[in-house]
Amino acid sequence: MGSVIEPVEIRIEYVDWLDPRAVALREAMDAETSAMYAEFASGQSAEVTAAIADALTVDPAEIVTTIIAVDGDEPVGHSALRPVHLDTLDDRVLEVKKVFVAESVRGRGVARLLMGELEAIARGRGAASLVLQTGPLQVPAITLYEDLGYVAIPPYGKYDAIPGALCYEKVL
């Protein structure tokens, strides 16, 4: 009789934005999304391309929390929060950044686990809501956000420079 291997619980770790595991997960995300949007990007002017790059750039000094999901010893998911200071949004708004789940564990609830942890962190910090930006080709992400109660809002901040940008908000 073969031995039964118990599944390893995926756990959340709080890390620095520059933690090498977090950096590697963001690099994997960037590679995946760059390939996904390559055709779209190739049709943009230099000005639009620069505006998109600027909108998607994250200043590590702005990040208030970075979390990773770990399966055994393997980092398999990433997300972070930063404050949003815009006239159109409440001062107590945090933005969800760089939600990514490794392909090897997709469908196991890792993204829900990450988002649930971010919501708990945001509530603990006194945030009124969470906002985020995604793209139209990221259908599983859109489905997840809507399932979690995020509602579409107009593009905010620099995201209005991204053609087709989709933005969402969840009141906490």
N, C-alpha and C. Protein backbone atom coordinates (compact mmCIF):
# COMPACT_ATOMS: atom_id res chain seq x y z
N MET A 1 0.85 -1.18 0.00
CA MET A 1 0.00 0.00 0.00
C MET A 1 0.89 1.23 0.00
N GLY A 2 0.63 2.18 -0.90
CA GLY A 2 1.42 3.41 -0.99
C GLY A 2 1.08 4.37 0.15
N SER A 3 2.01 5.19 0.49
CA SER A 3 1.76 6.17 1.54
C SER A 3 0.98 7.35 0.96
N VAL A 4 0.17 7.92 1.79
CA VAL A 4 -0.62 9.08 1.38
C VAL A 4 0.14 10.33 1.80
N ILE A 5 0.33 11.23 0.86
CA ILE A 5 1.04 12.47 1.15
C ILE A 5 0.00 13.53 1.48
N GLU A 6 0.12 14.10 2.65
CA GLU A 6 -0.80 15.15 3.05
C GLU A 6 -0.47 16.43 2.29
N PRO A 7 -1.48 17.13 1.78
CA PRO A 7 -1.20 18.39 1.10
C PRO A 7 -0.63 19.42 2.08
N VAL A 8 0.29 20.18 1.59
CA VAL A 8 0.89 21.24 2.40
C VAL A 8 -0.05 22.43 2.40
N GLU A 9 -0.27 23.00 3.56
CA GLU A 9 -1.10 24.19 3.66
C GLU A 9 -0.35 25.39 3.08
N ILE A 10 -1.05 26.16 2.31
CA ILE A 10 -0.45 27.39 1.81
C ILE A 10 -0.54 28.43 2.92
N ARG A 11 0.58 29.06 3.21
CA ARG A 11 0.60 30.05 4.29
C ARG A 11 0.98 31.41 3.72
N ILE A 12 0.59 32.43 4.46
CA ILE A 12 0.90 33.82 4.09
C ILE A 12 2.11 34.28 4.90
N GLU A 13 3.06 34.92 4.25
CA GLU A 13 4.20 35.53 4.93
C GLU A 13 4.23 37.01 4.59
N TYR A 14 4.48 37.82 5.61
CA TYR A 14 4.68 39.25 5.41
C TYR A 14 6.15 39.46 5.10
N VAL A 15 6.43 40.12 3.99
CA VAL A 15 7.81 40.32 3.56
C VAL A 15 8.02 41.75 3.11
N ASP A 16 9.27 42.12 2.91
CA ASP A 16 9.61 43.41 2.34
C ASP A 16 9.34 43.37 0.83
N TRP A 17 8.98 44.50 0.26
CA TRP A 17 8.75 44.60 -1.19
C TRP A 17 9.94 44.06 -1.97
N LEU A 18 11.14 44.25 -1.45
CA LEU A 18 12.36 43.84 -2.15
C LEU A 18 12.84 42.44 -1.76
N ASP A 19 12.05 41.70 -0.98
CA ASP A 19 12.38 40.31 -0.67
C ASP A 19 12.58 39.59 -2.00
N PRO A 20 13.67 38.83 -2.16
CA PRO A 20 13.95 38.17 -3.44
C PRO A 20 12.82 37.28 -3.95
N ARG A 21 12.08 36.66 -3.04
CA ARG A 21 10.95 35.82 -3.47
C ARG A 21 9.83 36.67 -4.05
N ALA A 22 9.58 37.82 -3.43
CA ALA A 22 8.55 38.74 -3.92
C ALA A 22 8.97 39.31 -5.28
N VAL A 23 10.24 39.66 -5.39
CA VAL A 23 10.75 40.20 -6.66
C VAL A 23 10.60 39.15 -7.77
N ALA A 24 10.95 37.90 -7.47
CA ALA A 24 10.85 36.84 -8.48
C ALA A 24 9.39 36.62 -8.91
N LEU A 25 8.47 36.67 -7.98
CA LEU A 25 7.05 36.52 -8.33
C LEU A 25 6.57 37.67 -9.19
N ARG A 26 6.99 38.90 -8.87
CA ARG A 26 6.60 40.05 -9.71
C ARG A 26 7.22 39.95 -11.09
N GLU A 27 8.45 39.46 -11.18
CA GLU A 27 9.08 39.28 -12.49
C GLU A 27 8.31 38.25 -13.32
N ALA A 28 7.85 37.17 -12.68
CA ALA A 28 7.05 36.17 -13.38
C ALA A 28 5.73 36.78 -13.85
N MET A 29 5.13 37.61 -13.00
CA MET A 29 3.89 38.29 -13.37
C MET A 29 4.13 39.22 -14.56
N ASP A 30 5.20 40.00 -14.50
CA ASP A 30 5.50 40.93 -15.59
C ASP A 30 5.73 40.19 -16.90
N ALA A 31 6.43 39.06 -16.84
CA ALA A 31 6.68 38.27 -18.05
C ALA A 31 5.36 37.76 -18.63
N GLU A 32 4.48 37.27 -17.77
CA GLU A 32 3.20 36.74 -18.22
C GLU A 32 2.32 37.84 -18.81
N THR A 33 2.21 38.96 -18.11
CA THR A 33 1.33 40.02 -18.61
C THR A 33 1.92 40.71 -19.84
N SER A 34 3.25 40.80 -19.91
CA SER A 34 3.87 41.39 -21.11
C SER A 34 3.55 40.54 -22.33
N ALA A 35 3.64 39.22 -22.19
CA ALA A 35 3.30 38.33 -23.30
C ALA A 35 1.81 38.43 -23.64
N MET A 36 0.97 38.49 -22.61
CA MET A 36 -0.48 38.55 -22.80
C MET A 36 -0.89 39.80 -23.57
N TYR A 37 -0.22 40.94 -23.26
CA TYR A 37 -0.59 42.22 -23.87
C TYR A 37 0.36 42.67 -24.97
N ALA A 38 1.20 41.77 -25.47
CA ALA A 38 2.22 42.15 -26.47
C ALA A 38 1.60 42.76 -27.72
N GLU A 39 0.55 42.17 -28.24
CA GLU A 39 -0.09 42.69 -29.45
C GLU A 39 -0.69 44.07 -29.19
N PHE A 40 -1.33 44.22 -28.04
CA PHE A 40 -1.90 45.51 -27.66
C PHE A 40 -0.79 46.56 -27.55
N ALA A 41 0.30 46.23 -26.88
CA ALA A 41 1.39 47.17 -26.66
C ALA A 41 2.06 47.60 -27.96
N SER A 42 2.17 46.66 -28.90
CA SER A 42 2.87 46.98 -30.15
C SER A 42 2.12 48.01 -30.99
N GLY A 43 0.82 48.17 -30.74
CA GLY A 43 0.03 49.12 -31.51
C GLY A 43 -0.07 50.51 -30.89
N GLN A 44 0.64 50.75 -29.79
CA GLN A 44 0.53 52.03 -29.09
C GLN A 44 1.64 53.00 -29.50
N SER A 45 1.33 54.28 -29.43
CA SER A 45 2.34 55.31 -29.71
C SER A 45 3.36 55.32 -28.58
N ALA A 46 4.49 55.97 -28.84
CA ALA A 46 5.54 56.08 -27.82
C ALA A 46 5.01 56.82 -26.59
N GLU A 47 4.17 57.82 -26.80
CA GLU A 47 3.62 58.58 -25.68
C GLU A 47 2.71 57.72 -24.81
N VAL A 48 1.84 56.93 -25.45
CA VAL A 48 0.93 56.06 -24.70
C VAL A 48 1.74 54.98 -23.98
N THR A 49 2.73 54.41 -24.67
CA THR A 49 3.57 53.39 -24.05
C THR A 49 4.28 53.94 -22.82
N ALA A 50 4.78 55.16 -22.90
CA ALA A 50 5.45 55.79 -21.75
C ALA A 50 4.45 56.06 -20.62
N ALA A 51 3.24 56.49 -20.97
CA ALA A 51 2.22 56.76 -19.95
C ALA A 51 1.79 55.47 -19.25
N ILE A 52 1.69 54.39 -20.00
CA ILE A 52 1.34 53.09 -19.42
C ILE A 52 2.44 52.64 -18.46
N ALA A 53 3.68 52.74 -18.91
CA ALA A 53 4.81 52.34 -18.06
C ALA A 53 4.82 53.16 -16.77
N ASP A 54 4.57 54.46 -16.88
CA ASP A 54 4.54 55.33 -15.71
C ASP A 54 3.41 54.93 -14.76
N ALA A 55 2.24 54.65 -15.32
CA ALA A 55 1.08 54.29 -14.50
C ALA A 55 1.31 52.98 -13.75
N LEU A 56 2.05 52.07 -14.35
CA LEU A 56 2.26 50.75 -13.75
C LEU A 56 3.50 50.67 -12.87
N THR A 57 4.28 51.73 -12.82
CA THR A 57 5.49 51.75 -11.99
C THR A 57 5.10 51.88 -10.52
N VAL A 58 5.75 51.10 -9.69
CA VAL A 58 5.49 51.13 -8.25
C VAL A 58 6.75 51.62 -7.54
N ASP A 59 6.59 52.66 -6.73
CA ASP A 59 7.67 53.16 -5.89
C ASP A 59 7.68 52.31 -4.61
N PRO A 60 8.75 51.56 -4.37
CA PRO A 60 8.79 50.71 -3.17
C PRO A 60 8.53 51.47 -1.88
N ALA A 61 8.86 52.75 -1.84
CA ALA A 61 8.65 53.55 -0.62
C ALA A 61 7.16 53.74 -0.32
N GLU A 62 6.30 53.58 -1.32
CA GLU A 62 4.86 53.76 -1.13
C GLU A 62 4.17 52.50 -0.61
N ILE A 63 4.82 51.37 -0.72
CA ILE A 63 4.20 50.10 -0.33
C ILE A 63 4.12 50.01 1.19
N VAL A 64 2.93 49.74 1.71
CA VAL A 64 2.76 49.63 3.16
C VAL A 64 2.78 48.17 3.63
N THR A 65 2.44 47.24 2.75
CA THR A 65 2.44 45.82 3.08
C THR A 65 2.69 45.01 1.82
N THR A 66 3.55 44.01 1.95
CA THR A 66 3.74 43.02 0.88
C THR A 66 3.57 41.65 1.51
N ILE A 67 2.77 40.83 0.86
CA ILE A 67 2.59 39.46 1.35
C ILE A 67 2.85 38.48 0.21
N ILE A 68 3.33 37.31 0.60
CA ILE A 68 3.49 36.23 -0.37
C ILE A 68 2.79 35.00 0.19
N ALA A 69 2.32 34.17 -0.71
CA ALA A 69 1.77 32.87 -0.36
C ALA A 69 2.87 31.85 -0.59
N VAL A 70 3.04 30.94 0.38
CA VAL A 70 4.11 29.94 0.30
C VAL A 70 3.49 28.56 0.44
N ASP A 71 3.84 27.67 -0.47
CA ASP A 71 3.39 26.28 -0.48
C ASP A 71 4.60 25.43 -0.14
N GLY A 72 4.67 24.95 1.09
CA GLY A 72 5.89 24.27 1.54
C GLY A 72 6.99 25.30 1.64
N ASP A 73 8.00 25.16 0.79
CA ASP A 73 9.08 26.15 0.73
C ASP A 73 8.99 27.02 -0.52
N GLU A 74 7.97 26.78 -1.35
CA GLU A 74 7.89 27.47 -2.65
C GLU A 74 6.97 28.68 -2.59
N PRO A 75 7.51 29.87 -2.92
CA PRO A 75 6.65 31.05 -3.02
C PRO A 75 5.75 30.92 -4.25
N VAL A 76 4.43 31.03 -4.05
CA VAL A 76 3.50 30.78 -5.14
C VAL A 76 2.50 31.92 -5.39
N GLY A 77 2.55 32.96 -4.56
CA GLY A 77 1.62 34.06 -4.75
C GLY A 77 2.15 35.34 -4.14
N HIS A 78 1.67 36.46 -4.65
CA HIS A 78 2.17 37.77 -4.23
C HIS A 78 1.05 38.79 -4.29
N SER A 79 1.07 39.73 -3.36
CA SER A 79 0.22 40.92 -3.44
C SER A 79 0.74 41.96 -2.46
N ALA A 80 0.28 43.19 -2.65
CA ALA A 80 0.77 44.30 -1.82
C ALA A 80 -0.31 45.37 -1.73
N LEU A 81 -0.07 46.30 -0.81
CA LEU A 81 -0.97 47.45 -0.64
C LEU A 81 -0.15 48.73 -0.60
N ARG A 82 -0.75 49.78 -1.16
CA ARG A 82 -0.18 51.13 -1.03
C ARG A 82 -1.32 52.11 -0.86
N PRO A 83 -1.05 53.25 -0.21
CA PRO A 83 -2.11 54.26 -0.06
C PRO A 83 -2.41 54.93 -1.40
N VAL A 84 -3.63 55.40 -1.51
CA VAL A 84 -4.05 56.16 -2.69
C VAL A 84 -4.41 57.55 -2.20
N HIS A 85 -3.77 58.54 -2.74
CA HIS A 85 -4.06 59.92 -2.35
C HIS A 85 -4.53 60.69 -3.58
N LEU A 86 -5.82 60.62 -3.82
CA LEU A 86 -6.41 61.29 -4.97
C LEU A 86 -7.60 62.10 -4.50
N ASP A 87 -7.85 63.21 -5.15
CA ASP A 87 -8.98 64.05 -4.77
C ASP A 87 -10.31 63.32 -4.94
N THR A 88 -10.37 62.38 -5.88
CA THR A 88 -11.63 61.71 -6.17
C THR A 88 -11.92 60.53 -5.25
N LEU A 89 -10.95 60.13 -4.45
CA LEU A 89 -11.15 58.99 -3.54
C LEU A 89 -10.90 59.43 -2.10
N ASP A 90 -11.54 58.77 -1.18
CA ASP A 90 -11.36 59.00 0.25
C ASP A 90 -9.88 58.84 0.62
N ASP A 91 -9.42 59.60 1.59
CA ASP A 91 -8.03 59.51 2.04
C ASP A 91 -7.71 58.15 2.66
N ARG A 92 -8.72 57.41 3.04
CA ARG A 92 -8.49 56.12 3.69
C ARG A 92 -8.62 54.96 2.71
N VAL A 93 -8.18 55.18 1.49
CA VAL A 93 -8.25 54.16 0.45
C VAL A 93 -6.86 53.55 0.26
N LEU A 94 -6.82 52.23 0.19
CA LEU A 94 -5.58 51.53 -0.13
C LEU A 94 -5.76 50.85 -1.48
N GLU A 95 -4.65 50.77 -2.21
CA GLU A 95 -4.67 50.15 -3.53
C GLU A 95 -4.00 48.78 -3.48
N VAL A 96 -4.67 47.80 -4.06
CA VAL A 96 -4.13 46.46 -4.20
C VAL A 96 -3.17 46.47 -5.39
N LYS A 97 -1.97 45.97 -5.18
CA LYS A 97 -0.96 45.95 -6.24
C LYS A 97 -0.41 44.55 -6.43
N LYS A 98 -0.15 44.23 -7.69
CA LYS A 98 0.64 43.06 -8.09
C LYS A 98 0.14 41.74 -7.51
N VAL A 99 -1.16 41.47 -7.70
CA VAL A 99 -1.69 40.17 -7.30
C VAL A 99 -1.27 39.16 -8.37
N PHE A 100 -0.56 38.14 -7.93
CA PHE A 100 -0.07 37.13 -8.86
C PHE A 100 -0.05 35.78 -8.17
N VAL A 101 -0.47 34.75 -8.91
CA VAL A 101 -0.41 33.38 -8.43
C VAL A 101 0.31 32.55 -9.48
N ALA A 102 1.28 31.77 -9.03
CA ALA A 102 2.04 30.90 -9.94
C ALA A 102 1.09 29.91 -10.62
N GLU A 103 1.36 29.64 -11.87
CA GLU A 103 0.50 28.75 -12.65
C GLU A 103 0.35 27.38 -11.99
N SER A 104 1.38 26.92 -11.30
CA SER A 104 1.37 25.59 -10.68
C SER A 104 0.31 25.42 -9.60
N VAL A 105 -0.19 26.51 -9.04
CA VAL A 105 -1.18 26.41 -7.95
C VAL A 105 -2.49 27.13 -8.27
N ARG A 106 -2.65 27.56 -9.50
CA ARG A 106 -3.90 28.25 -9.85
C ARG A 106 -5.07 27.28 -9.69
N GLY A 107 -6.19 27.83 -9.24
CA GLY A 107 -7.37 27.02 -9.02
C GLY A 107 -7.44 26.44 -7.61
N ARG A 108 -6.48 26.75 -6.77
CA ARG A 108 -6.45 26.22 -5.40
C ARG A 108 -6.86 27.28 -4.36
N GLY A 109 -7.34 28.43 -4.80
CA GLY A 109 -7.81 29.44 -3.86
C GLY A 109 -6.73 30.38 -3.33
N VAL A 110 -5.56 30.36 -3.95
CA VAL A 110 -4.46 31.20 -3.46
C VAL A 110 -4.79 32.68 -3.62
N ALA A 111 -5.35 33.06 -4.74
CA ALA A 111 -5.69 34.48 -4.95
C ALA A 111 -6.74 34.93 -3.94
N ARG A 112 -7.72 34.09 -3.65
CA ARG A 112 -8.73 34.42 -2.63
C ARG A 112 -8.07 34.58 -1.26
N LEU A 113 -7.13 33.71 -0.96
CA LEU A 113 -6.41 33.79 0.31
C LEU A 113 -5.65 35.11 0.40
N LEU A 114 -4.94 35.48 -0.67
CA LEU A 114 -4.20 36.75 -0.70
C LEU A 114 -5.14 37.93 -0.54
N MET A 115 -6.23 37.94 -1.30
CA MET A 115 -7.17 39.06 -1.25
C MET A 115 -7.83 39.16 0.13
N GLY A 116 -8.16 38.03 0.73
CA GLY A 116 -8.74 38.04 2.07
C GLY A 116 -7.77 38.63 3.09
N GLU A 117 -6.51 38.27 2.95
CA GLU A 117 -5.49 38.81 3.87
C GLU A 117 -5.34 40.32 3.66
N LEU A 118 -5.33 40.77 2.40
CA LEU A 118 -5.22 42.21 2.13
C LEU A 118 -6.40 42.96 2.73
N GLU A 119 -7.60 42.39 2.60
CA GLU A 119 -8.78 43.05 3.17
C GLU A 119 -8.68 43.14 4.69
N ALA A 120 -8.19 42.09 5.33
CA ALA A 120 -8.01 42.11 6.78
C ALA A 120 -6.97 43.16 7.18
N ILE A 121 -5.88 43.23 6.44
CA ILE A 121 -4.83 44.23 6.71
C ILE A 121 -5.43 45.63 6.57
N ALA A 122 -6.17 45.85 5.47
CA ALA A 122 -6.75 47.17 5.20
C ALA A 122 -7.72 47.57 6.31
N ARG A 123 -8.56 46.65 6.74
CA ARG A 123 -9.49 46.95 7.83
C ARG A 123 -8.71 47.32 9.09
N GLY A 124 -7.65 46.57 9.37
CA GLY A 124 -6.82 46.83 10.53
C GLY A 124 -6.15 48.19 10.49
N ARG A 125 -5.91 48.70 9.30
CA ARG A 125 -5.29 50.01 9.13
C ARG A 125 -6.34 51.12 9.07
N GLY A 126 -7.62 50.76 9.18
CA GLY A 126 -8.69 51.76 9.15
C GLY A 126 -9.08 52.21 7.76
N ALA A 127 -8.75 51.42 6.75
CA ALA A 127 -9.11 51.79 5.38
C ALA A 127 -10.62 51.71 5.18
N ALA A 128 -11.14 52.63 4.40
CA ALA A 128 -12.56 52.63 4.06
C ALA A 128 -12.85 51.71 2.89
N SER A 129 -11.87 51.58 1.98
CA SER A 129 -12.06 50.73 0.81
C SER A 129 -10.73 50.34 0.20
N LEU A 130 -10.81 49.36 -0.68
CA LEU A 130 -9.67 48.95 -1.49
C LEU A 130 -10.02 49.21 -2.95
N VAL A 131 -9.04 49.65 -3.71
CA VAL A 131 -9.20 49.83 -5.14
C VAL A 131 -8.09 49.05 -5.85
N LEU A 132 -8.32 48.78 -7.13
CA LEU A 132 -7.31 48.07 -7.91
C LEU A 132 -7.53 48.33 -9.38
N GLN A 133 -6.50 48.03 -10.15
CA GLN A 133 -6.56 48.16 -11.61
C GLN A 133 -6.13 46.84 -12.22
N THR A 134 -6.82 46.44 -13.28
CA THR A 134 -6.44 45.25 -14.03
C THR A 134 -6.71 45.51 -15.51
N GLY A 135 -6.43 44.53 -16.32
CA GLY A 135 -6.63 44.69 -17.76
C GLY A 135 -7.72 43.76 -18.28
N PRO A 136 -8.27 44.08 -19.43
CA PRO A 136 -9.39 43.33 -19.97
C PRO A 136 -9.08 41.88 -20.34
N LEU A 137 -7.81 41.55 -20.54
CA LEU A 137 -7.44 40.18 -20.90
C LEU A 137 -7.25 39.28 -19.68
N GLN A 138 -7.30 39.85 -18.50
CA GLN A 138 -7.09 39.08 -17.27
C GLN A 138 -8.45 38.64 -16.70
N VAL A 139 -9.14 37.84 -17.49
CA VAL A 139 -10.51 37.43 -17.18
C VAL A 139 -10.62 36.69 -15.84
N PRO A 140 -9.74 35.75 -15.51
CA PRO A 140 -9.86 35.10 -14.20
C PRO A 140 -9.75 36.11 -13.05
N ALA A 141 -8.88 37.10 -13.19
CA ALA A 141 -8.75 38.13 -12.14
C ALA A 141 -10.03 38.95 -12.03
N ILE A 142 -10.57 39.35 -13.16
CA ILE A 142 -11.81 40.13 -13.16
C ILE A 142 -12.93 39.34 -12.48
N THR A 143 -13.04 38.07 -12.83
CA THR A 143 -14.07 37.20 -12.24
C THR A 143 -13.88 37.11 -10.73
N LEU A 144 -12.65 36.92 -10.29
CA LEU A 144 -12.36 36.83 -8.86
C LEU A 144 -12.76 38.12 -8.15
N TYR A 145 -12.31 39.25 -8.67
CA TYR A 145 -12.61 40.52 -8.01
C TYR A 145 -14.12 40.74 -7.90
N GLU A 146 -14.83 40.47 -8.98
CA GLU A 146 -16.29 40.65 -8.94
C GLU A 146 -16.94 39.67 -7.96
N ASP A 147 -16.46 38.43 -7.92
CA ASP A 147 -16.98 37.45 -6.96
C ASP A 147 -16.74 37.90 -5.51
N LEU A 148 -15.66 38.62 -5.28
CA LEU A 148 -15.32 39.09 -3.94
C LEU A 148 -16.03 40.39 -3.57
N GLY A 149 -16.85 40.92 -4.47
CA GLY A 149 -17.62 42.11 -4.15
C GLY A 149 -17.02 43.42 -4.63
N TYR A 150 -16.01 43.36 -5.48
CA TYR A 150 -15.45 44.59 -6.06
C TYR A 150 -16.38 45.04 -7.18
N VAL A 151 -16.58 46.36 -7.27
CA VAL A 151 -17.45 46.91 -8.31
C VAL A 151 -16.62 47.83 -9.21
N ALA A 152 -16.98 47.84 -10.48
CA ALA A 152 -16.25 48.66 -11.45
C ALA A 152 -16.39 50.13 -11.12
N ILE A 153 -15.28 50.85 -11.24
CA ILE A 153 -15.25 52.31 -11.07
C ILE A 153 -14.49 52.89 -12.25
N PRO A 154 -14.61 54.18 -12.51
CA PRO A 154 -13.82 54.78 -13.59
C PRO A 154 -12.33 54.69 -13.27
N PRO A 155 -11.48 54.61 -14.31
CA PRO A 155 -10.05 54.60 -14.05
C PRO A 155 -9.64 55.82 -13.21
N TYR A 156 -8.80 55.59 -12.24
CA TYR A 156 -8.37 56.65 -11.32
C TYR A 156 -6.88 56.90 -11.49
N GLY A 157 -6.45 58.08 -11.07
CA GLY A 157 -5.04 58.41 -11.11
C GLY A 157 -4.46 58.28 -12.51
N LYS A 158 -3.27 57.73 -12.58
CA LYS A 158 -2.57 57.59 -13.86
C LYS A 158 -3.15 56.49 -14.75
N TYR A 159 -4.04 55.67 -14.20
CA TYR A 159 -4.61 54.58 -15.00
C TYR A 159 -5.49 55.07 -16.13
N ASP A 160 -5.95 56.32 -16.06
CA ASP A 160 -6.75 56.84 -17.17
C ASP A 160 -5.94 56.94 -18.45
N ALA A 161 -4.61 56.83 -18.35
CA ALA A 161 -3.74 56.85 -19.53
C ALA A 161 -3.65 55.49 -20.21
N ILE A 162 -4.19 54.45 -19.57
CA ILE A 162 -4.11 53.10 -20.13
C ILE A 162 -5.40 52.78 -20.87
N PRO A 163 -5.31 52.65 -22.20
CA PRO A 163 -6.54 52.30 -22.95
C PRO A 163 -7.09 50.97 -22.46
N GLY A 164 -8.37 50.96 -22.12
CA GLY A 164 -9.02 49.72 -21.69
C GLY A 164 -8.79 49.35 -20.23
N ALA A 165 -8.15 50.23 -19.47
CA ALA A 165 -7.91 49.92 -18.05
C ALA A 165 -9.22 49.67 -17.34
N LEU A 166 -9.24 48.65 -16.49
CA LEU A 166 -10.41 48.34 -15.69
C LEU A 166 -10.04 48.57 -14.23
N CYS A 167 -10.85 49.34 -13.53
CA CYS A 167 -10.60 49.63 -12.12
C CYS A 167 -11.80 49.20 -11.30
N TYR A 168 -11.51 48.77 -10.09
CA TYR A 168 -12.53 48.26 -9.19
C TYR A 168 -12.33 48.81 -7.79
N GLU A 169 -13.43 48.79 -7.01
CA GLU A 169 -13.36 49.23 -5.62
C GLU A 169 -14.25 48.30 -4.79
N LYS A 170 -13.80 48.05 -3.57
CA LYS A 170 -14.60 47.33 -2.58
C LYS A 170 -14.63 48.15 -1.31
N VAL A 171 -15.82 48.53 -0.89
CA VAL A 171 -15.98 49.23 0.37
C VAL A 171 -15.86 48.19 1.47
N LEU A 172 -15.03 48.51 2.46
CA LEU A 172 -14.78 47.54 3.55
C LEU A 172 -15.75 47.72 4.70
